[in-house]
Protein backbone atom coordinates (compact mmCIF):
# COMPACT_ATOMS: atom_id res chain seq x y z
CA MET A 1 24.18 1.81 53.39
CA GLU A 2 27.18 0.10 51.76
CA LEU A 3 30.31 2.20 52.22
CA GLY A 4 32.85 -0.08 50.57
CA THR A 5 32.74 0.50 46.81
CA ILE A 6 31.81 3.29 44.43
CA GLU A 7 30.92 2.20 40.89
CA ARG A 8 30.02 4.37 37.93
CA GLU A 9 29.58 3.57 34.25
CA ILE A 10 29.56 6.09 31.44
CA TYR A 11 29.54 5.95 27.66
CA VAL A 12 32.11 8.03 25.78
CA ASP A 13 31.80 8.61 22.05
CA ALA A 14 35.45 7.82 21.26
CA SER A 15 37.64 4.78 20.82
CA PRO A 16 39.03 2.91 23.85
CA GLU A 17 42.50 4.14 22.82
CA VAL A 18 41.44 7.79 23.10
CA VAL A 19 39.51 7.24 26.34
CA PHE A 20 42.45 5.34 27.84
CA ASP A 21 44.73 8.31 27.15
CA VAL A 22 42.21 10.68 28.73
CA VAL A 23 41.88 8.65 31.96
CA SER A 24 45.57 7.80 32.29
CA SER A 25 47.86 10.59 31.08
CA PRO A 26 48.61 13.57 33.35
CA GLU A 27 48.24 15.83 30.30
CA HIS A 28 44.62 14.78 29.74
CA ILE A 29 43.44 13.88 33.23
CA THR A 30 43.69 17.56 34.22
CA GLY A 31 41.17 18.38 31.50
CA TRP A 32 38.36 16.78 33.48
CA TRP A 33 39.50 15.87 37.01
CA PRO A 34 42.32 17.44 39.09
CA ASP A 35 43.80 20.87 38.53
CA ASP A 36 47.33 19.46 38.24
CA ALA A 37 48.96 16.02 38.04
CA HIS A 38 52.51 14.77 38.26
CA TYR A 39 53.14 11.06 37.75
CA GLU A 40 54.63 8.57 35.33
CA LEU A 41 52.61 5.80 33.70
CA VAL A 42 54.87 3.27 35.39
CA PRO A 43 53.39 0.94 38.01
CA GLY A 44 54.76 1.83 41.43
CA ALA A 45 56.14 5.25 40.50
CA PRO A 46 55.14 7.87 43.09
CA GLY A 47 53.27 10.98 42.02
CA GLU A 48 50.58 13.41 43.04
CA ILE A 49 47.41 15.09 41.88
CA VAL A 50 46.34 18.54 43.02
CA PHE A 51 42.89 20.02 43.56
CA GLY A 52 42.86 23.80 43.81
CA ASP A 53 45.80 25.93 44.93
CA PRO A 54 47.72 24.27 47.79
CA ALA A 55 48.78 27.71 49.03
CA ASP A 56 45.11 28.63 49.37
CA GLY A 57 43.65 25.51 51.00
CA GLY A 58 43.86 23.19 48.00
CA VAL A 59 44.59 19.50 48.37
CA VAL A 60 47.65 17.55 47.19
CA ALA A 61 46.90 13.82 47.07
CA SER A 62 49.52 11.11 46.70
CA PHE A 63 49.01 9.05 43.54
CA THR A 64 50.60 5.75 42.45
CA VAL A 65 49.89 3.91 39.21
CA VAL A 66 49.04 0.26 39.89
CA GLU A 67 48.26 -1.07 36.40
CA SER A 68 48.42 0.38 32.90
CA ARG A 69 47.20 -1.94 30.13
CA PRO A 70 46.27 0.20 27.12
CA PRO A 71 43.55 0.45 25.99
CA ARG A 72 41.64 -1.68 28.51
CA THR A 73 42.60 -1.01 32.13
CA PHE A 74 44.13 1.80 34.13
CA SER A 75 44.26 1.67 37.92
CA PHE A 76 45.89 3.71 40.63
CA ARG A 77 46.03 4.09 44.38
CA TRP A 78 45.66 7.49 45.94
CA THR A 79 45.19 9.36 49.22
CA HIS A 80 48.06 7.50 50.95
CA PRO A 81 50.39 9.51 53.19
CA ALA A 82 53.13 11.31 51.25
CA GLY A 83 56.36 9.34 51.24
CA GLN A 84 54.66 6.01 51.98
CA THR A 85 54.22 3.15 49.55
CA ALA A 86 50.58 2.84 48.46
CA VAL A 87 49.09 -0.42 49.72
CA GLU A 88 45.71 -1.74 50.79
CA GLY A 89 44.89 -0.13 54.10
CA ASN A 90 46.56 3.25 53.51
CA SER A 91 45.08 4.20 50.12
CA LEU A 92 42.04 3.89 47.90
CA LEU A 93 42.14 1.92 44.64
CA VAL A 94 40.53 3.37 41.50
CA THR A 95 40.17 1.22 38.39
CA PHE A 96 39.00 2.32 34.96
CA ASP A 97 37.92 -0.62 32.79
CA LEU A 98 37.19 0.21 29.16
CA ARG A 99 35.48 -1.79 26.45
CA SER A 100 34.28 -1.05 22.95
CA SER A 101 30.58 -0.34 22.70
CA GLY A 102 29.13 0.58 19.32
CA SER A 103 31.21 3.43 17.94
CA GLY A 104 32.50 4.41 21.38
CA THR A 105 33.65 3.16 24.74
CA LEU A 106 31.89 1.98 27.85
CA LEU A 107 33.96 3.11 30.82
CA ARG A 108 33.45 1.52 34.21
CA MET A 109 35.05 3.26 37.20
CA THR A 110 35.37 1.47 40.53
CA GLU A 111 36.83 2.91 43.72
CA THR A 112 37.47 0.54 46.64
CA GLY A 113 39.37 0.41 49.91
CA PHE A 114 37.24 2.64 52.14
CA ARG A 115 36.63 0.01 54.82
CA GLU A 116 40.26 -1.11 54.77
CA MET A 117 41.43 2.38 55.78
CA GLY A 118 40.51 1.68 59.41
CA TRP A 119 38.53 4.89 59.83
CA GLU A 120 35.95 5.21 62.58
CA ALA A 121 32.35 5.02 61.30
CA ALA A 122 31.74 8.78 61.04
CA VAL A 123 35.00 9.40 59.16
CA LEU A 124 34.33 6.44 56.84
CA GLU A 125 30.86 7.77 56.01
CA HIS A 126 32.18 11.30 55.45
CA GLN A 127 35.05 10.19 53.21
CA TYR A 128 32.85 7.80 51.23
CA ASN A 129 30.18 10.47 50.67
CA GLU A 130 32.82 13.04 49.72
CA HIS A 131 34.19 10.67 47.05
CA VAL A 132 30.68 9.85 45.76
CA THR A 133 30.03 13.59 45.38
CA GLY A 134 33.42 14.06 43.71
CA TRP A 135 32.97 11.29 41.14
CA ASP A 136 29.40 12.43 40.44
CA PHE A 137 30.82 15.88 39.63
CA PHE A 138 34.00 14.94 37.76
CA LEU A 139 33.12 11.82 35.73
CA PRO A 140 30.39 13.58 33.70
CA ARG A 141 33.10 16.07 32.59
CA LEU A 142 35.09 13.29 30.88
CA ALA A 143 32.95 12.82 27.73
CA PRO A 144 32.67 16.57 26.97
CA TYR A 145 36.45 16.86 27.40
CA VAL A 146 36.98 13.99 24.95
CA ALA A 147 34.66 15.78 22.49
CA THR A 148 36.97 18.83 22.57
CA LEU A 149 39.86 16.56 21.56
CA GLU A 150 37.89 15.20 18.63
CA VAL A 151 37.22 18.77 17.44
CA ARG A 152 40.94 19.67 17.61
CA GLN A 153 42.08 16.67 15.56
């Protein structure tokens, strides 16, 4: 089993500009992925995303924007130790590539860096599988969230 890269592709019935905002801005990302997010869309700026209530066992993950090229590419590193600069070997890299497809957008998500973390085999397998499960749960929520934005406009 390959434990190095997670790739998913979904179609979203909205323009790349709208989808880019939804995958990149803290205001929108919380509509389909984490419960809270604090970061600037500036490469290298430190931030965090939060799953659940940290006071009740929730998780705060470090988050650093790597690239922001509207409306085509948004990438970030996450899971690095708080206070450390996100680099290969201490964080995972997530990239959203967007391209027009018919009247909507084809979004390709890639997460890499699992092997570079230096985890022992059992930890690597656990972390990889946990992220696969997470993306399989959260990514399908993106298109329905975008549809709610279209209704509000």
